[in-house]
Protein backbone atom coordinates (compact mmCIF):
# COMPACT_ATOMS: atom_id res chain seq x y z
CA MET A 1 -13.27 -17.17 -30.44
CA SER A 2 -16.60 -17.97 -28.60
CA GLY A 3 -16.15 -21.58 -29.09
CA GLN A 4 -12.83 -21.29 -27.54
CA THR A 5 -14.11 -19.48 -24.66
CA GLY A 6 -16.92 -21.72 -24.13
CA ASN A 7 -14.45 -24.73 -24.21
CA GLN A 8 -12.42 -23.00 -21.64
CA THR A 9 -15.37 -22.27 -19.37
CA ARG A 10 -16.25 -25.84 -19.63
CA ARG A 11 -12.60 -26.95 -18.76
CA ASP A 12 -12.63 -24.52 -15.74
CA PHE A 13 -16.02 -25.97 -14.31
CA LEU A 14 -14.94 -29.63 -14.87
CA LEU A 15 -11.45 -28.82 -13.33
CA ALA A 16 -13.08 -27.06 -10.41
CA SER A 17 -15.59 -29.98 -9.74
CA ALA A 18 -12.85 -32.28 -9.68
CA ILE A 19 -10.94 -30.41 -7.08
CA ALA A 20 -14.04 -30.06 -5.26
CA SER A 21 -14.86 -33.68 -5.38
CA ALA A 22 -11.35 -34.64 -4.39
CA GLY A 23 -11.84 -32.50 -1.07
CA LEU A 24 -9.13 -30.07 -2.29
CA PRO A 25 -9.22 -26.34 -1.49
CA SER A 26 -11.90 -24.51 -3.16
CA LEU A 27 -9.56 -22.43 -5.44
CA ASN A 28 -11.42 -19.62 -7.67
CA VAL A 29 -11.40 -20.98 -11.44
CA LEU A 30 -9.74 -17.86 -12.85
CA ALA A 31 -6.72 -19.39 -12.06
CA PHE A 32 -7.18 -22.18 -14.60
CA SER A 33 -5.80 -20.99 -18.01
CA ASN A 34 -4.35 -22.23 -21.11
CA ASN A 35 -2.82 -18.94 -22.04
CA THR A 36 0.95 -19.59 -23.20
CA SER A 37 2.15 -16.79 -21.34
CA ASP A 38 1.10 -18.15 -17.90
CA ILE A 39 3.38 -19.25 -15.19
CA ARG A 40 3.32 -21.77 -12.26
CA ILE A 41 4.94 -21.43 -9.04
CA GLU A 42 7.84 -24.09 -8.91
CA ASP A 43 9.74 -22.99 -5.76
CA LEU A 44 9.47 -20.73 -2.58
CA SER A 45 11.37 -19.41 0.33
CA PHE A 46 11.06 -16.70 2.84
CA GLY A 47 12.78 -14.93 5.64
CA TYR A 48 12.98 -11.78 7.71
CA GLU A 49 15.16 -8.80 8.64
CA GLU A 50 15.08 -6.72 11.64
CA PHE A 51 15.51 -2.96 12.05
CA LEU A 52 15.44 -0.49 14.92
CA TYR A 53 14.17 2.99 14.02
CA ARG A 54 16.48 5.90 14.80
CA ALA A 55 13.55 7.55 16.54
CA PRO A 56 10.01 6.22 17.21
CA TYR A 57 7.12 6.86 14.84
CA LYS A 58 3.93 7.97 16.55
CA PHE A 59 0.65 7.36 14.48
CA GLY A 60 -2.83 6.48 15.63
CA GLY A 61 -1.66 7.25 19.35
CA VAL A 62 0.91 4.61 19.35
CA PRO A 63 4.79 4.79 18.91
CA VAL A 64 6.59 2.24 16.84
CA ASP A 65 10.42 1.79 17.10
CA ARG A 66 11.32 -1.30 15.09
CA ALA A 67 10.26 -2.99 11.87
CA THR A 68 10.28 -6.78 10.75
CA ILE A 69 10.79 -7.07 7.15
CA LEU A 70 9.06 -10.23 5.28
CA ASN A 71 11.40 -11.01 2.04
CA VAL A 72 10.13 -13.70 -0.26
CA ASN A 73 11.75 -15.42 -3.06
CA VAL A 74 9.87 -17.31 -5.72
CA THR A 75 10.77 -19.50 -8.80
CA VAL A 76 8.29 -19.61 -11.52
CA ARG A 77 8.16 -21.66 -14.60
CA ALA A 78 6.43 -20.94 -18.00
CA ARG A 79 4.57 -23.42 -20.02
CA ASP A 80 7.67 -23.73 -22.53
CA GLY A 81 9.87 -24.62 -19.48
CA ARG A 82 11.68 -21.24 -19.28
CA MET A 83 12.28 -20.33 -15.51
CA ALA A 84 12.80 -17.15 -13.53
CA LYS A 85 13.23 -15.82 -9.94
CA GLY A 86 11.29 -13.21 -8.32
CA PHE A 87 11.62 -11.09 -5.06
CA GLY A 88 8.92 -9.32 -2.72
CA SER A 89 9.58 -7.50 0.39
CA MET A 90 7.33 -5.78 2.99
CA PRO A 91 7.41 -4.65 6.47
CA MET A 92 4.88 -6.59 8.46
CA GLY A 93 3.30 -3.66 9.85
CA ASN A 94 1.34 -5.10 12.67
CA VAL A 95 0.57 -2.04 14.84
CA TRP A 96 -1.11 -0.47 11.60
CA SER A 97 -2.84 -3.45 10.10
CA PHE A 98 -3.58 -5.50 13.58
CA PRO A 99 -4.16 -2.89 16.19
CA SER A 100 -4.99 -4.18 19.55
CA ARG A 101 -5.31 -2.66 23.00
CA GLU A 102 -5.52 -6.41 24.32
CA MET A 103 -2.50 -7.77 22.45
CA SER A 104 1.00 -6.86 22.78
CA TYR A 105 3.40 -5.91 20.03
CA ASP A 106 4.73 -9.25 20.22
CA ARG A 107 1.60 -11.15 20.16
CA THR A 108 0.14 -9.58 16.83
CA LEU A 109 3.62 -9.70 15.20
CA GLY A 110 3.99 -13.49 16.30
CA ALA A 111 0.45 -14.13 14.82
CA MET A 112 1.39 -12.60 11.28
CA LYS A 113 4.42 -14.71 11.31
CA ALA A 114 2.45 -17.76 11.94
CA LEU A 115 0.22 -16.52 9.11
CA ALA A 116 3.08 -15.75 6.74
CA GLU A 117 4.24 -19.36 7.17
CA ARG A 118 0.74 -20.79 6.28
CA VAL A 119 0.75 -18.22 3.14
CA ALA A 120 3.94 -19.71 2.13
CA LYS A 121 2.69 -23.18 2.22
CA ILE A 122 -0.48 -22.31 0.33
CA THR A 123 1.29 -20.28 -2.14
CA SER A 124 3.88 -22.94 -2.90
CA GLY A 125 1.59 -25.77 -3.10
CA TYR A 126 -0.33 -24.20 -5.81
CA LYS A 127 0.60 -25.62 -9.11
CA GLU A 128 -1.89 -24.08 -11.50
CA PHE A 129 -0.74 -21.85 -14.42
CA GLY A 130 -2.12 -18.34 -14.59
CA CYS A 131 -1.00 -14.87 -14.51
CA PRO A 132 -0.11 -13.08 -11.18
CA ILE A 133 -3.53 -11.62 -10.67
CA ASP A 134 -5.36 -14.80 -11.64
CA ILE A 135 -3.10 -16.64 -9.20
CA ASN A 136 -3.81 -14.05 -6.46
CA VAL A 137 -7.47 -14.09 -7.03
CA ALA A 138 -7.34 -17.79 -6.46
CA LEU A 139 -5.31 -17.81 -3.49
CA GLU A 140 -6.75 -14.92 -1.55
CA PRO A 141 -9.70 -16.86 -0.02
CA GLU A 142 -7.47 -19.54 1.04
CA TYR A 143 -5.01 -16.91 2.86
CA LEU A 144 -8.29 -15.41 4.68
CA LYS A 145 -9.14 -18.84 5.53
CA ALA A 146 -5.65 -19.52 7.05
CA ALA A 147 -6.07 -16.18 9.00
CA GLY A 148 -9.18 -17.67 10.65
CA GLU A 149 -7.28 -20.87 11.46
CA VAL A 150 -4.22 -19.23 12.80
CA SER A 151 -6.41 -17.09 15.06
CA LYS A 152 -8.21 -19.91 16.59
CA GLU A 153 -4.83 -21.88 17.04
CA LEU A 154 -3.30 -19.04 18.72
CA LYS A 155 -6.44 -18.27 20.81
CA LEU A 156 -6.28 -14.62 19.72
CA VAL A 157 -8.50 -12.26 21.70
CA ALA A 158 -9.35 -10.90 18.17
CA PRO A 159 -8.96 -12.40 14.84
CA ILE A 160 -6.40 -11.62 12.48
CA PRO A 161 -8.24 -8.97 10.01
CA LYS A 162 -8.38 -9.00 6.31
CA LEU A 163 -6.08 -5.91 6.02
CA CYS A 164 -3.52 -7.63 8.05
CA THR A 165 -3.76 -10.81 6.12
CA LEU A 166 -3.21 -8.56 2.86
CA VAL A 167 -0.22 -7.22 4.56
CA ALA A 168 1.08 -10.74 5.35
CA ALA A 169 0.49 -12.08 1.70
CA SER A 170 1.71 -8.90 -0.13
CA PRO A 171 5.62 -9.92 -0.55
CA PHE A 172 4.47 -13.21 -1.98
CA ASP A 173 2.02 -11.61 -4.42
CA ALA A 174 4.89 -9.10 -5.26
CA ALA A 175 7.35 -11.95 -5.77
CA ILE A 176 5.08 -13.56 -8.25
CA HIS A 177 4.61 -10.22 -10.33
CA ASP A 178 8.31 -9.78 -10.22
CA ALA A 179 9.09 -13.15 -11.57
CA PHE A 180 6.42 -12.98 -14.27
CA GLY A 181 7.91 -9.70 -15.66
CA LYS A 182 11.33 -11.22 -15.61
CA ILE A 183 10.29 -14.43 -17.59
CA HIS A 184 8.75 -12.08 -20.18
CA HIS A 185 11.47 -9.56 -20.08
CA ARG A 186 9.30 -6.72 -19.31
CA SER A 187 8.29 -4.30 -16.51
CA CYS A 188 5.62 -5.42 -14.53
CA TYR A 189 3.60 -2.43 -15.68
CA GLN A 190 3.97 -3.59 -19.35
CA MET A 191 2.31 -7.05 -18.48
CA TYR A 192 -1.18 -5.74 -18.17
CA GLY A 193 -2.55 -6.10 -21.63
CA ARG A 194 -4.47 -8.71 -23.27
CA ASP A 195 -1.60 -10.75 -24.46
CA LEU A 196 -0.11 -11.66 -21.07
CA MET A 197 -3.50 -10.89 -18.97
CA PRO A 198 -6.15 -12.42 -21.35
CA ARG A 199 -9.25 -11.83 -19.07
CA ASP A 200 -10.73 -8.20 -18.83
CA LEU A 201 -11.32 -6.49 -15.67
CA SER A 202 -14.94 -7.58 -15.15
CA ASN A 203 -13.46 -10.87 -14.43
CA TYR A 204 -11.84 -9.23 -11.20
CA LEU A 205 -14.07 -6.23 -10.53
CA ASN A 206 -17.63 -5.84 -11.89
CA ALA A 207 -19.68 -5.39 -14.96
CA ASP A 208 -18.75 -1.58 -15.40
CA PHE A 209 -15.33 -2.99 -16.65
CA LYS A 210 -16.51 -5.32 -19.24
CA GLY A 211 -14.05 -5.42 -22.24
CA GLU A 212 -11.64 -3.30 -20.37
CA TYR A 213 -7.98 -4.26 -19.83
CA LEU A 214 -5.80 -3.21 -16.98
CA ASN A 215 -3.26 -1.30 -19.21
CA ARG A 216 -6.00 1.05 -19.88
CA TYR A 217 -5.35 2.31 -16.47
CA ILE A 218 -1.79 1.79 -16.04
CA LEU A 219 1.17 3.60 -17.69
CA PRO A 220 3.64 1.21 -19.34
CA THR A 221 6.79 3.67 -18.51
CA PRO A 222 7.10 5.47 -15.28
CA LYS A 223 6.69 9.20 -14.87
CA PRO A 224 10.00 10.82 -14.73
CA GLN A 225 9.73 12.34 -11.17
CA ILE A 226 7.01 12.41 -8.32
CA SER A 227 6.49 14.52 -5.34
CA MET A 228 7.42 12.90 -2.06
CA PHE A 229 5.17 13.57 0.99
CA HIS A 230 7.68 13.80 4.20
CA SER A 231 5.76 12.55 7.32
CA VAL A 232 5.74 14.43 10.47
CA GLY A 233 4.56 11.87 13.30
CA GLY A 234 2.83 12.49 16.56
CA ALA A 235 6.00 12.51 18.29
CA ASP A 236 8.38 14.10 15.71
CA THR A 237 9.91 17.72 16.48
CA VAL A 238 8.35 20.73 14.83
CA LEU A 239 9.36 23.55 16.68
CA PRO A 240 13.28 23.76 18.11
CA SER A 241 11.62 24.40 21.46
CA GLU A 242 10.05 20.81 21.42
CA LEU A 243 13.59 19.04 20.82
CA LYS A 244 14.68 17.67 24.42
CA GLN A 245 17.68 15.80 23.30
CA ARG A 246 19.60 15.38 20.17
CA LEU A 247 20.53 12.27 18.68
CA ASN A 248 23.61 13.55 16.91
CA ASP A 249 23.69 11.05 14.22
CA GLY A 250 24.08 13.28 11.24
CA MET A 251 20.61 13.22 10.21
CA PRO A 252 17.81 16.16 10.38
CA GLU A 253 16.12 16.22 13.89
CA THR A 254 13.47 19.12 13.46
CA LEU A 255 11.18 19.77 10.63
CA ALA A 256 12.93 23.11 9.37
CA GLU A 257 16.18 20.77 9.43
CA TRP A 258 14.30 18.27 7.24
CA ILE A 259 12.99 20.72 4.75
CA GLY A 260 16.43 22.05 4.28
CA PHE A 261 17.93 18.49 4.10
CA ASN A 262 15.61 17.27 1.48
CA GLY A 263 14.17 20.29 -0.09
CA LEU A 264 10.73 19.33 0.82
CA THR A 265 7.48 20.65 -0.88
CA HIS A 266 5.04 18.10 0.48
CA ILE A 267 4.25 17.11 4.34
CA LYS A 268 2.08 14.61 5.54
CA ILE A 269 0.56 15.81 9.05
CA LYS A 270 -0.25 13.10 11.74
CA LEU A 271 -2.76 14.10 13.88
CA GLN A 272 -4.52 12.76 16.95
CA GLY A 273 -8.18 12.98 15.90
CA GLU A 274 -9.00 13.03 19.79
CA ASP A 275 -7.60 16.37 20.97
CA LEU A 276 -8.84 19.11 18.55
CA LYS A 277 -7.08 22.02 20.23
CA TRP A 278 -3.73 19.81 19.68
CA ASP A 279 -4.46 19.15 16.02
CA ILE A 280 -5.14 22.43 15.28
CA GLU A 281 -1.95 23.86 16.85
CA ARG A 282 0.14 21.16 15.52
CA THR A 283 -1.15 22.00 11.87
CA VAL A 284 -0.67 25.84 12.38
CA ASN A 285 2.91 25.34 13.79
CA ILE A 286 3.81 22.97 10.75
CA ASP A 287 2.56 25.76 8.35
CA ARG A 288 4.55 28.48 10.05
CA VAL A 289 7.80 26.37 10.05
CA ALA A 290 7.38 25.51 6.41
CA SER A 291 6.56 28.87 5.28
CA GLU A 292 9.53 30.51 7.29
CA THR A 293 12.20 27.80 6.18
CA ARG A 294 10.92 27.78 2.43
CA PRO A 295 8.85 30.88 1.88
CA LYS A 296 8.50 30.65 -1.92
CA THR A 297 7.49 27.01 -1.94
CA GLY A 298 4.14 25.84 -3.03
CA TRP A 299 3.48 23.68 -0.23
CA LYS A 300 1.02 20.92 -0.29
CA TYR A 301 -0.17 18.96 2.94
CA CYS A 302 -1.82 15.68 3.76
CA VAL A 303 -3.77 15.56 6.89
CA ASP A 304 -3.89 12.23 8.35
CA PHE A 305 -6.16 11.54 11.48
CA ASN A 306 -5.56 7.57 11.39
CA GLU A 307 -9.29 6.85 11.89
CA ARG A 308 -9.42 8.42 15.40
CA CYS A 309 -11.89 11.22 14.69
CA PRO A 310 -15.38 10.49 16.59
CA ASN A 311 -17.43 11.91 13.52
CA VAL A 312 -17.38 14.13 10.61
CA GLU A 313 -18.09 17.32 12.75
CA TYR A 314 -14.68 16.89 14.45
CA VAL A 315 -13.07 17.11 10.85
CA LEU A 316 -15.21 20.25 9.83
CA GLU A 317 -14.59 22.08 13.09
CA TYR A 318 -10.78 21.32 12.47
CA LEU A 319 -10.99 22.81 9.02
CA ARG A 320 -12.95 25.79 10.07
CA LYS A 321 -10.31 26.73 12.74
CA VAL A 322 -7.42 26.17 10.58
CA LYS A 323 -8.98 28.12 7.83
CA GLU A 324 -9.64 30.83 10.54
CA LEU A 325 -5.79 30.74 11.85
CA THR A 326 -4.08 30.23 8.80
CA PRO A 327 -6.04 30.65 5.63
CA ARG A 328 -2.65 30.03 3.56
CA GLY A 329 -2.23 26.86 5.60
CA PHE A 330 -5.74 25.77 4.88
CA ASP A 331 -5.23 26.30 1.21
CA ARG A 332 -2.20 23.92 1.02
CA ILE A 333 -4.41 21.03 2.37
CA LEU A 334 -4.43 18.77 -0.60
CA TYR A 335 -6.51 15.85 1.03
CA LEU A 336 -7.58 14.35 4.31
CA GLU A 337 -6.94 10.67 4.87
CA GLN A 338 -9.33 8.15 6.93
CA PRO A 339 -10.65 10.41 9.63
CA THR A 340 -12.92 8.01 11.13
CA ALA A 341 -13.13 4.20 12.09
CA ARG A 342 -11.89 1.67 9.42
CA ASP A 343 -15.04 -0.67 10.05
CA LEU A 344 -17.46 1.24 7.45
CA LYS A 345 -20.25 -1.28 7.79
CA ALA A 346 -20.32 -0.79 11.62
CA ASN A 347 -20.03 2.94 11.37
CA ARG A 348 -22.45 3.68 8.73
CA GLN A 349 -23.38 7.10 10.34
CA ASN A 350 -19.77 8.42 9.93
CA VAL A 351 -20.37 9.72 6.25
CA MET A 352 -17.96 12.20 4.68
CA HIS A 353 -19.99 14.17 1.95
CA ASP A 354 -19.77 17.72 3.90
CA ALA A 355 -15.96 17.17 4.50
CA ALA A 356 -15.49 16.31 0.88
CA LYS A 357 -17.09 19.35 -0.28
CA LEU A 358 -14.01 21.10 1.15
CA ARG A 359 -11.09 18.56 0.57
CA PRO A 360 -10.97 15.21 -0.90
CA VAL A 361 -11.37 12.47 1.54
CA VAL A 362 -9.28 9.43 1.07
CA ILE A 363 -10.23 5.96 2.16
CA ASP A 364 -7.00 4.03 3.48
CA GLU A 365 -7.31 1.43 6.55
CA SER A 366 -10.69 0.66 5.13
CA LEU A 367 -9.87 -0.16 1.49
CA THR A 368 -9.63 -3.97 1.48
CA ASP A 369 -11.63 -4.93 -1.79
CA LEU A 370 -13.84 -3.35 -4.42
CA GLU A 371 -16.84 -3.81 -2.29
CA SER A 372 -15.29 -1.32 0.54
CA LEU A 373 -14.29 1.19 -2.21
CA LEU A 374 -17.85 1.24 -3.32
CA LEU A 375 -19.18 1.58 0.27
CA ALA A 376 -16.83 4.47 1.02
CA ARG A 377 -17.84 6.08 -2.05
CA GLU A 378 -21.59 5.80 -1.03
CA MET A 379 -20.59 7.36 2.40
CA GLY A 380 -19.05 10.19 0.82
CA TYR A 381 -15.30 9.37 0.39
CA THR A 382 -13.76 10.93 -2.82
CA GLY A 383 -10.43 9.45 -2.76
CA VAL A 384 -8.13 6.10 -2.42
CA ALA A 385 -4.68 5.49 -0.90
CA LEU A 386 -2.93 2.97 -2.92
CA LYS A 387 -0.48 0.54 -0.96
CA ALA A 388 2.04 -1.84 -1.98
CA CYS A 389 1.51 -3.58 1.30
CA LYS A 390 -1.98 -4.70 0.18
CA GLY A 391 -0.46 -6.47 -2.76
CA GLN A 392 0.56 -5.44 -6.25
CA SER A 393 -2.53 -7.28 -7.60
CA GLN A 394 -5.04 -5.23 -5.40
CA ALA A 395 -3.12 -2.01 -5.80
CA MET A 396 -3.51 -2.44 -9.66
CA LEU A 397 -7.19 -3.44 -9.59
CA MET A 398 -8.11 -0.59 -7.08
CA ALA A 399 -6.04 1.94 -9.05
CA ALA A 400 -8.34 1.05 -12.13
CA ALA A 401 -11.46 1.23 -10.08
CA ALA A 402 -10.64 4.62 -8.67
CA GLN A 403 -9.92 5.99 -11.86
CA LYS A 404 -13.31 4.49 -13.55
CA TYR A 405 -15.30 6.28 -10.71
CA LYS A 406 -13.28 9.54 -11.00
CA MET A 407 -11.51 9.31 -7.34
CA PHE A 408 -8.60 11.09 -6.11
CA LEU A 409 -5.36 9.03 -6.10
CA THR A 410 -2.41 8.73 -3.69
CA VAL A 411 0.06 6.44 -2.84
CA GLN A 412 0.79 5.86 1.15
CA ASP A 413 3.44 4.16 2.98
CA LEU A 414 4.20 1.55 5.71
CA THR A 415 7.56 2.84 6.41
CA CYS A 416 9.02 0.79 3.34
CA PRO A 417 12.37 0.52 3.20
CA GLY A 418 14.70 -0.92 0.19
CA ALA A 419 12.99 -3.16 -2.22
CA SER A 420 9.46 -2.39 -0.59
CA LEU A 421 10.06 1.31 -1.07
CA ILE A 422 10.81 0.48 -4.96
CA HIS A 423 7.68 -1.42 -5.18
CA SER A 424 5.65 1.36 -3.55
CA VAL A 425 7.17 4.37 -5.75
CA GLY A 426 6.71 1.97 -8.66
CA ILE A 427 2.87 1.99 -8.08
CA ALA A 428 2.97 5.77 -7.52
CA THR A 429 4.79 6.28 -10.75
CA HIS A 430 2.90 3.97 -13.10
CA VAL A 431 -0.66 4.84 -12.12
CA PRO A 432 -1.88 8.24 -13.76
CA GLY A 433 -2.95 10.98 -11.46
CA VAL A 434 -1.46 10.05 -8.30
CA ALA A 435 -0.79 13.27 -6.25
CA GLY A 436 2.49 12.05 -4.52
CA VAL A 437 3.98 9.21 -2.71
CA GLU A 438 4.62 8.94 0.97
CA ALA A 439 8.09 7.88 1.75
CA ASN A 440 9.23 7.94 5.70
CA SER A 441 11.75 5.10 5.73
CA ARG A 442 14.38 7.55 5.20
CA GLN A 443 13.28 9.41 8.17
CA TYR A 444 12.68 6.23 10.64
CA ALA A 445 14.72 3.57 9.05
CA PRO A 446 17.68 5.03 7.15
CA ALA A 447 19.99 1.98 8.05
CA ALA A 448 17.58 -0.17 5.99
CA ASN A 449 18.02 1.97 2.88
CA LYS A 450 21.75 2.30 2.90
CA PRO A 451 22.50 -0.60 0.78
CA TRP A 452 20.23 0.60 -1.90
CA GLU A 453 21.49 4.35 -2.28
CA LYS A 454 24.07 3.74 -5.03
CA ARG A 455 21.54 1.61 -7.50
CA PHE A 456 18.52 3.96 -6.93
CA PRO A 457 20.05 7.59 -6.06
CA GLY A 458 17.11 9.20 -7.26
CA LEU A 459 14.72 7.33 -4.91
CA PHE A 460 16.94 7.24 -1.74
CA ILE A 461 18.85 10.48 -2.01
CA ILE A 462 16.28 13.43 -2.10
CA LYS A 463 17.40 16.92 -2.69
CA ASP A 464 14.39 18.89 -4.34
CA GLY A 465 11.20 17.15 -2.63
CA THR A 466 10.81 14.69 -5.57
CA MET A 467 11.73 11.35 -6.37
CA LYS A 468 13.34 10.80 -9.60
CA THR A 469 11.67 7.74 -11.05
CA ALA A 470 13.02 7.20 -14.52
CA SER A 471 14.97 4.04 -13.53
CA LEU A 472 11.65 2.15 -12.41
CA ASN A 473 11.44 0.48 -15.87
CA ARG A 474 13.42 -2.53 -15.49
CA ARG A 475 12.15 -6.22 -15.55
CA GLY A 476 9.54 -7.03 -12.92
CA LEU A 477 9.21 -4.74 -10.18
CA GLY A 478 12.54 -3.47 -10.79
CA ALA A 479 14.49 -3.86 -7.27
CA VAL A 480 16.45 -6.93 -7.91
CA ASP A 481 17.81 -8.15 -11.25
């Protein structure tokens, strides 16, 4: 075995050297593999769908009323000549992943589309064999380089950030995982053992994971159900008196109506992070409506400040006042999500140790790699929000890291409809210890979900606040046969 490993390392080195001397992109040697289960990309195409929200979703102080969905189709070939097709889908999410006060919505969306086109060329042009995570590890540096090039070519006032690059690349990564599962007639979550993914996790993370394989941290079959977090955006109606005009589209329009319609048990509370009085009153009102509507429910809340709190003192004062005004509501807070600025290196003073003594504090926007996870942990964050929009490869690796370091786990949304929701829930139900999954496309983009309801009723028709997930054991990511 050691001789084979040495020969493989030498082949990797020689191949990487040949690529460098030829002036080709410097791709990570992890992708050069002789494993018989490996695949290579044969063909790739992509396109867009556009959806208007039934009502604006306000988060981070910005209302969003539409979504552009990036859909990717890929064909892969195994070493023995077998072929399979894979599909990936994800909202572009430019308001969340590329926030800007200087650039318009159309400007940042246009930049993401230009980057997606570059990502497609890079991905389709990569012809080495490998498993999906090896391919992603090899290509991510090229995606980031392309983001810098697009930023310069478009003369953007701020460069495309890494988070945005991950979002633009995520459906390409998902499509490759999907195809890999289909070529091996397995769920993606049954592909992470050493038979199909022969390198241990230390090759992707650090020496703490030496000798460990991803299947140690991933469930091969889905949990039968998972709790769903209903999102209450900054502009959503909590009290009936707040409803100025009804849409009359047959869907709920107040929090109480949503609670009855979906049998809710978990609520994600979107707060301002800049107006303490408003944040406290909003939380107290949501708890009152929840308690009055379903008094016997063991409610759980996620509190999301969308990184807008000035410091941890704001968070501590918020928790103190909520506990004073509604002790029951305070007890129902399950975790806090990304209270302060996403750039952790530039804001090292924003430590979360004191807040984390009261509730888990979860990293979301800041999480783009293992380095950011470890820095967040050093700064007092005690939890991780996994997101399909950052890529299946990253979600799996960060799920392993979070479990290794004994961190709280949850899965968050990007108003993911259709196949992207199936992808997101798939992550939630195959990662041990996940507290629940946010799923708000049924609130804001129900038209995008409609074609999927008959095939996956347990995910798209909610009656008791949970998603029925036993069907998420099909080949690949399970959304498209």
